[in-house]
Amino acid sequence: MDSIDTRVSGIGLLEEPGRSVLQMWGEVDSALRPDASGALARALDRNLPVVIDTSKVEFIDSTGIAFLVQVCTIGRDEGLDVTLVDPPAVVSDVLAMLGVDELVGPQPKR
Protein backbone atom coordinates (compact mmCIF):
# COMPACT_ATOMS: atom_id res chain seq x y z
CA MET A 1 0.00 0.00 0.00
CA ASP A 2 2.26 2.73 -1.25
CA SER A 3 -0.50 5.19 -2.14
CA ILE A 4 -3.74 6.25 -0.52
CA ASP A 5 -6.18 3.34 -0.36
CA THR A 6 -9.82 4.34 -0.72
CA ARG A 7 -11.42 1.03 0.26
CA VAL A 8 -13.80 1.13 3.22
CA SER A 9 -11.99 -1.75 4.95
CA GLY A 10 -8.55 -3.19 4.48
CA ILE A 11 -5.13 -4.25 5.63
CA GLY A 12 -2.07 -2.80 3.95
CA LEU A 13 1.60 -2.15 4.45
CA LEU A 14 3.08 1.32 4.31
CA GLU A 15 6.79 1.01 3.54
CA GLU A 16 8.64 3.76 5.39
CA PRO A 17 12.40 4.17 5.71
CA GLY A 18 13.49 2.13 8.71
CA ARG A 19 10.13 0.52 9.46
CA SER A 20 7.02 -1.09 8.05
CA VAL A 21 3.63 0.26 9.14
CA LEU A 22 0.91 -2.36 9.00
CA GLN A 23 -2.34 -0.42 8.67
CA MET A 24 -5.75 -1.90 9.42
CA TRP A 25 -8.99 0.01 8.93
CA GLY A 26 -12.75 -0.37 8.76
CA GLU A 27 -14.27 -3.79 9.46
CA VAL A 28 -11.48 -6.32 9.87
CA ASP A 29 -12.80 -9.83 9.31
CA SER A 30 -12.22 -12.97 7.22
CA ALA A 31 -12.98 -11.09 3.98
CA LEU A 32 -9.58 -9.39 4.38
CA ARG A 33 -7.57 -12.63 4.54
CA PRO A 34 -5.85 -12.02 1.14
CA ASP A 35 -4.89 -8.48 2.24
CA ALA A 36 -3.56 -9.86 5.53
CA SER A 37 -1.42 -12.53 3.87
CA GLY A 38 0.11 -10.07 1.42
CA ALA A 39 0.85 -7.45 4.07
CA LEU A 40 2.48 -9.97 6.40
CA ALA A 41 4.65 -11.40 3.61
CA ARG A 42 5.82 -7.93 2.58
CA ALA A 43 6.58 -6.95 6.18
CA LEU A 44 8.67 -10.08 6.70
CA ASP A 45 10.49 -9.57 3.39
CA ARG A 46 11.48 -6.04 4.41
CA ASN A 47 13.08 -7.33 7.62
CA LEU A 48 12.48 -4.04 9.48
CA PRO A 49 10.62 -3.18 12.69
CA VAL A 50 6.84 -3.44 12.28
CA VAL A 51 4.40 -0.91 13.73
CA ILE A 52 0.76 -2.00 13.73
CA ASP A 53 -1.73 0.86 13.33
CA THR A 54 -5.32 -0.09 14.18
CA SER A 55 -6.48 3.46 14.91
CA LYS A 56 -9.08 3.37 12.12
CA VAL A 57 -10.54 -0.07 12.90
CA GLU A 58 -14.30 0.12 13.49
CA PHE A 59 -14.92 -3.61 14.01
CA ILE A 60 -12.65 -6.63 14.42
CA ASP A 61 -13.63 -10.28 14.71
CA SER A 62 -11.66 -13.32 15.83
CA THR A 63 -10.09 -13.62 12.36
CA GLY A 64 -8.65 -10.12 12.68
CA ILE A 65 -7.42 -10.83 16.20
CA ALA A 66 -5.81 -14.06 14.99
CA PHE A 67 -4.00 -12.03 12.33
CA LEU A 68 -2.67 -9.59 14.95
CA VAL A 69 -1.39 -12.50 17.03
CA GLN A 70 0.14 -14.08 13.92
CA VAL A 71 1.96 -10.88 12.93
CA CYS A 72 3.36 -10.43 16.42
CA THR A 73 4.35 -14.08 16.87
CA ILE A 74 5.93 -14.64 13.47
CA GLY A 75 7.56 -11.22 13.36
CA ARG A 76 9.13 -11.62 16.78
CA ASP A 77 10.19 -15.20 15.99
CA GLU A 78 12.00 -13.73 12.96
CA GLY A 79 13.78 -11.24 15.23
CA LEU A 80 11.71 -8.18 14.32
CA ASP A 81 10.44 -5.60 16.78
CA VAL A 82 6.65 -5.64 16.41
CA THR A 83 4.58 -2.98 18.19
CA LEU A 84 0.83 -2.47 18.35
CA VAL A 85 0.45 1.27 18.88
CA ASP A 86 -2.46 2.67 20.92
CA PRO A 87 -5.23 0.36 19.71
CA PRO A 88 -8.77 1.75 19.98
CA ALA A 89 -11.14 0.18 22.50
CA VAL A 90 -12.83 -1.85 19.75
CA VAL A 91 -9.50 -3.70 19.32
CA SER A 92 -8.09 -3.70 22.87
CA ASP A 93 -11.38 -4.86 24.40
CA VAL A 94 -11.55 -7.89 22.07
CA LEU A 95 -7.87 -8.69 22.69
CA ALA A 96 -8.50 -8.64 26.44
CA MET A 97 -11.78 -10.59 26.17
CA LEU A 98 -9.99 -13.36 24.24
CA GLY A 99 -7.04 -13.30 26.66
CA VAL A 100 -4.43 -12.55 24.00
CA ASP A 101 -3.65 -8.94 24.89
CA GLU A 102 -0.27 -9.93 26.36
CA LEU A 103 0.66 -11.75 23.13
CA VAL A 104 0.41 -8.55 21.09
CA GLY A 105 1.52 -6.12 23.78
CA PRO A 106 4.97 -4.59 24.10
CA GLN A 107 7.81 -7.10 24.37
CA PRO A 108 11.08 -6.57 26.21
CA LYS A 109 14.07 -5.64 24.05
CA ARG A 110 16.49 -8.48 23.37
C-alpha atoms as a PDB file:
ATOM      1  CA  MET A   1       0.000   0.000   0.000  1.00  0.00           C
ATOM      2  CA  ASP A   2       2.261   2.725  -1.252  1.00  0.00           C
ATOM      3  CA  SER A   3      -0.505   5.192  -2.137  1.00  0.00           C
ATOM      4  CA  ILE A   4      -3.742   6.252  -0.518  1.00  0.00           C
ATOM      5  CA  ASP A   5      -6.185   3.345  -0.363  1.00  0.00           C
ATOM      6  CA  THR A   6      -9.821   4.345  -0.720  1.00  0.00           C
ATOM      7  CA  ARG A   7     -11.422   1.032   0.263  1.00  0.00           C
ATOM      8  CA  VAL A   8     -13.801   1.128   3.219  1.00  0.00           C
ATOM      9  CA  SER A   9     -11.988  -1.750   4.950  1.00  0.00           C
ATOM     10  CA  GLY A  10      -8.546  -3.190   4.476  1.00  0.00           C
ATOM     11  CA  ILE A  11      -5.130  -4.252   5.627  1.00  0.00           C
ATOM     12  CA  GLY A  12      -2.074  -2.801   3.950  1.00  0.00           C
ATOM     13  CA  LEU A  13       1.595  -2.154   4.446  1.00  0.00           C
ATOM     14  CA  LEU A  14       3.081   1.318   4.308  1.00  0.00           C
ATOM     15  CA  GLU A  15       6.787   1.013   3.542  1.00  0.00           C
ATOM     16  CA  GLU A  16       8.640   3.765   5.394  1.00  0.00           C
ATOM     17  CA  PRO A  17      12.402   4.169   5.708  1.00  0.00           C
ATOM     18  CA  GLY A  18      13.487   2.130   8.711  1.00  0.00           C
ATOM     19  CA  ARG A  19      10.130   0.516   9.460  1.00  0.00           C
ATOM     20  CA  SER A  20       7.018  -1.094   8.047  1.00  0.00           C
ATOM     21  CA  VAL A  21       3.635   0.258   9.145  1.00  0.00           C
ATOM     22  CA  LEU A  22       0.907  -2.355   9.002  1.00  0.00           C
ATOM     23  CA  GLN A  23      -2.340  -0.418   8.671  1.00  0.00           C
ATOM     24  CA  MET A  24      -5.748  -1.903   9.424  1.00  0.00           C
ATOM     25  CA  TRP A  25      -8.991   0.011   8.933  1.00  0.00           C
ATOM     26  CA  GLY A  26     -12.747  -0.367   8.756  1.00  0.00           C
ATOM     27  CA  GLU A  27     -14.271  -3.785   9.455  1.00  0.00           C
ATOM     28  CA  VAL A  28     -11.482  -6.318   9.872  1.00  0.00           C
ATOM     29  CA  ASP A  29     -12.796  -9.831   9.309  1.00  0.00           C
ATOM     30  CA  SER A  30     -12.221 -12.966   7.222  1.00  0.00           C
ATOM     31  CA  ALA A  31     -12.976 -11.092   3.983  1.00  0.00           C
ATOM     32  CA  LEU A  32      -9.577  -9.392   4.375  1.00  0.00           C
ATOM     33  CA  ARG A  33      -7.569 -12.632   4.535  1.00  0.00           C
ATOM     34  CA  PRO A  34      -5.854 -12.015   1.137  1.00  0.00           C
ATOM     35  CA  ASP A  35      -4.889  -8.476   2.239  1.00  0.00           C
ATOM     36  CA  ALA A  36      -3.556  -9.858   5.526  1.00  0.00           C
ATOM     37  CA  SER A  37      -1.420 -12.527   3.868  1.00  0.00           C
ATOM     38  CA  GLY A  38       0.114 -10.069   1.423  1.00  0.00           C
ATOM     39  CA  ALA A  39       0.847  -7.445   4.071  1.00  0.00           C
ATOM     40  CA  LEU A  40       2.480  -9.966   6.405  1.00  0.00           C
ATOM     41  CA  ALA A  41       4.646 -11.400   3.608  1.00  0.00           C
ATOM     42  CA  ARG A  42       5.821  -7.927   2.577  1.00  0.00           C
ATOM     43  CA  ALA A  43       6.583  -6.945   6.178  1.00  0.00           C
ATOM     44  CA  LEU A  44       8.666 -10.081   6.699  1.00  0.00           C
ATOM     45  CA  ASP A  45      10.487  -9.571   3.390  1.00  0.00           C
ATOM     46  CA  ARG A  46      11.482  -6.035   4.409  1.00  0.00           C
ATOM     47  CA  ASN A  47      13.076  -7.330   7.622  1.00  0.00           C
ATOM     48  CA  LEU A  48      12.481  -4.039   9.476  1.00  0.00           C
ATOM     49  CA  PRO A  49      10.618  -3.179  12.691  1.00  0.00           C
ATOM     50  CA  VAL A  50       6.843  -3.437  12.284  1.00  0.00           C
ATOM     51  CA  VAL A  51       4.402  -0.911  13.732  1.00  0.00           C
ATOM     52  CA  ILE A  52       0.761  -2.001  13.726  1.00  0.00           C
ATOM     53  CA  ASP A  53      -1.732   0.856  13.332  1.00  0.00           C
ATOM     54  CA  THR A  54      -5.323  -0.090  14.182  1.00  0.00           C
ATOM     55  CA  SER A  55      -6.479   3.463  14.908  1.00  0.00           C
ATOM     56  CA  LYS A  56      -9.083   3.370  12.121  1.00  0.00           C
ATOM     57  CA  VAL A  57     -10.540  -0.066  12.898  1.00  0.00           C
ATOM     58  CA  GLU A  58     -14.296   0.122  13.489  1.00  0.00           C
ATOM     59  CA  PHE A  59     -14.915  -3.608  14.015  1.00  0.00           C
ATOM     60  CA  ILE A  60     -12.655  -6.628  14.420  1.00  0.00           C
ATOM     61  CA  ASP A  61     -13.634 -10.277  14.705  1.00  0.00           C
ATOM     62  CA  SER A  62     -11.660 -13.317  15.829  1.00  0.00           C
ATOM     63  CA  THR A  63     -10.095 -13.621  12.364  1.00  0.00           C
ATOM     64  CA  GLY A  64      -8.652 -10.116  12.678  1.00  0.00           C
ATOM     65  CA  ILE A  65      -7.423 -10.833  16.202  1.00  0.00           C
ATOM     66  CA  ALA A  66      -5.809 -14.058  14.989  1.00  0.00           C
ATOM     67  CA  PHE A  67      -4.005 -12.030  12.327  1.00  0.00           C
ATOM     68  CA  LEU A  68      -2.668  -9.587  14.946  1.00  0.00           C
ATOM     69  CA  VAL A  69      -1.390 -12.500  17.033  1.00  0.00           C
ATOM     70  CA  GLN A  70       0.143 -14.084  13.922  1.00  0.00           C
ATOM     71  CA  VAL A  71       1.958 -10.883  12.928  1.00  0.00           C
ATOM     72  CA  CYS A  72       3.357 -10.432  16.423  1.00  0.00           C
ATOM     73  CA  THR A  73       4.346 -14.077  16.873  1.00  0.00           C
ATOM     74  CA  ILE A  74       5.934 -14.643  13.465  1.00  0.00           C
ATOM     75  CA  GLY A  75       7.564 -11.221  13.356  1.00  0.00           C
ATOM     76  CA  ARG A  76       9.129 -11.617  16.781  1.00  0.00           C
ATOM     77  CA  ASP A  77      10.193 -15.195  15.994  1.00  0.00           C
ATOM     78  CA  GLU A  78      12.002 -13.731  12.964  1.00  0.00           C
ATOM     79  CA  GLY A  79      13.780 -11.244  15.233  1.00  0.00           C
ATOM     80  CA  LEU A  80      11.711  -8.180  14.317  1.00  0.00           C
ATOM     81  CA  ASP A  81      10.437  -5.603  16.784  1.00  0.00           C
ATOM     82  CA  VAL A  82       6.646  -5.640  16.408  1.00  0.00           C
ATOM     83  CA  THR A  83       4.583  -2.981  18.189  1.00  0.00           C
ATOM     84  CA  LEU A  84       0.831  -2.473  18.348  1.00  0.00           C
ATOM     85  CA  VAL A  85       0.445   1.274  18.881  1.00  0.00           C
ATOM     86  CA  ASP A  86      -2.457   2.665  20.923  1.00  0.00           C
ATOM     87  CA  PRO A  87      -5.234   0.358  19.710  1.00  0.00           C
ATOM     88  CA  PRO A  88      -8.768   1.752  19.978  1.00  0.00           C
ATOM     89  CA  ALA A  89     -11.145   0.182  22.498  1.00  0.00           C
ATOM     90  CA  VAL A  90     -12.828  -1.855  19.755  1.00  0.00           C
ATOM     91  CA  VAL A  91      -9.501  -3.699  19.322  1.00  0.00           C
ATOM     92  CA  SER A  92      -8.085  -3.695  22.867  1.00  0.00           C
ATOM     93  CA  ASP A  93     -11.376  -4.863  24.396  1.00  0.00           C
ATOM     94  CA  VAL A  94     -11.547  -7.887  22.073  1.00  0.00           C
ATOM     95  CA  LEU A  95      -7.868  -8.689  22.685  1.00  0.00           C
ATOM     96  CA  ALA A  96      -8.505  -8.640  26.442  1.00  0.00           C
ATOM     97  CA  MET A  97     -11.778 -10.590  26.165  1.00  0.00           C
ATOM     98  CA  LEU A  98      -9.992 -13.362  24.244  1.00  0.00           C
ATOM     99  CA  GLY A  99      -7.044 -13.303  26.662  1.00  0.00           C
ATOM    100  CA  VAL A 100      -4.432 -12.551  24.002  1.00  0.00           C
ATOM    101  CA  ASP A 101      -3.649  -8.938  24.886  1.00  0.00           C
ATOM    102  CA  GLU A 102      -0.275  -9.932  26.357  1.00  0.00           C
ATOM    103  CA  LEU A 103       0.660 -11.753  23.130  1.00  0.00           C
ATOM    104  CA  VAL A 104       0.415  -8.554  21.094  1.00  0.00           C
ATOM    105  CA  GLY A 105       1.519  -6.117  23.784  1.00  0.00           C
ATOM    106  CA  PRO A 106       4.974  -4.588  24.103  1.00  0.00           C
ATOM    107  CA  GLN A 107       7.811  -7.104  24.369  1.00  0.00           C
ATOM    108  CA  PRO A 108      11.079  -6.571  26.208  1.00  0.00           C
ATOM    109  CA  LYS A 109      14.074  -5.643  24.048  1.00  0.00           C
ATOM    110  CA  ARG A 110      16.492  -8.478  23.367  1.00  0.00           C
END
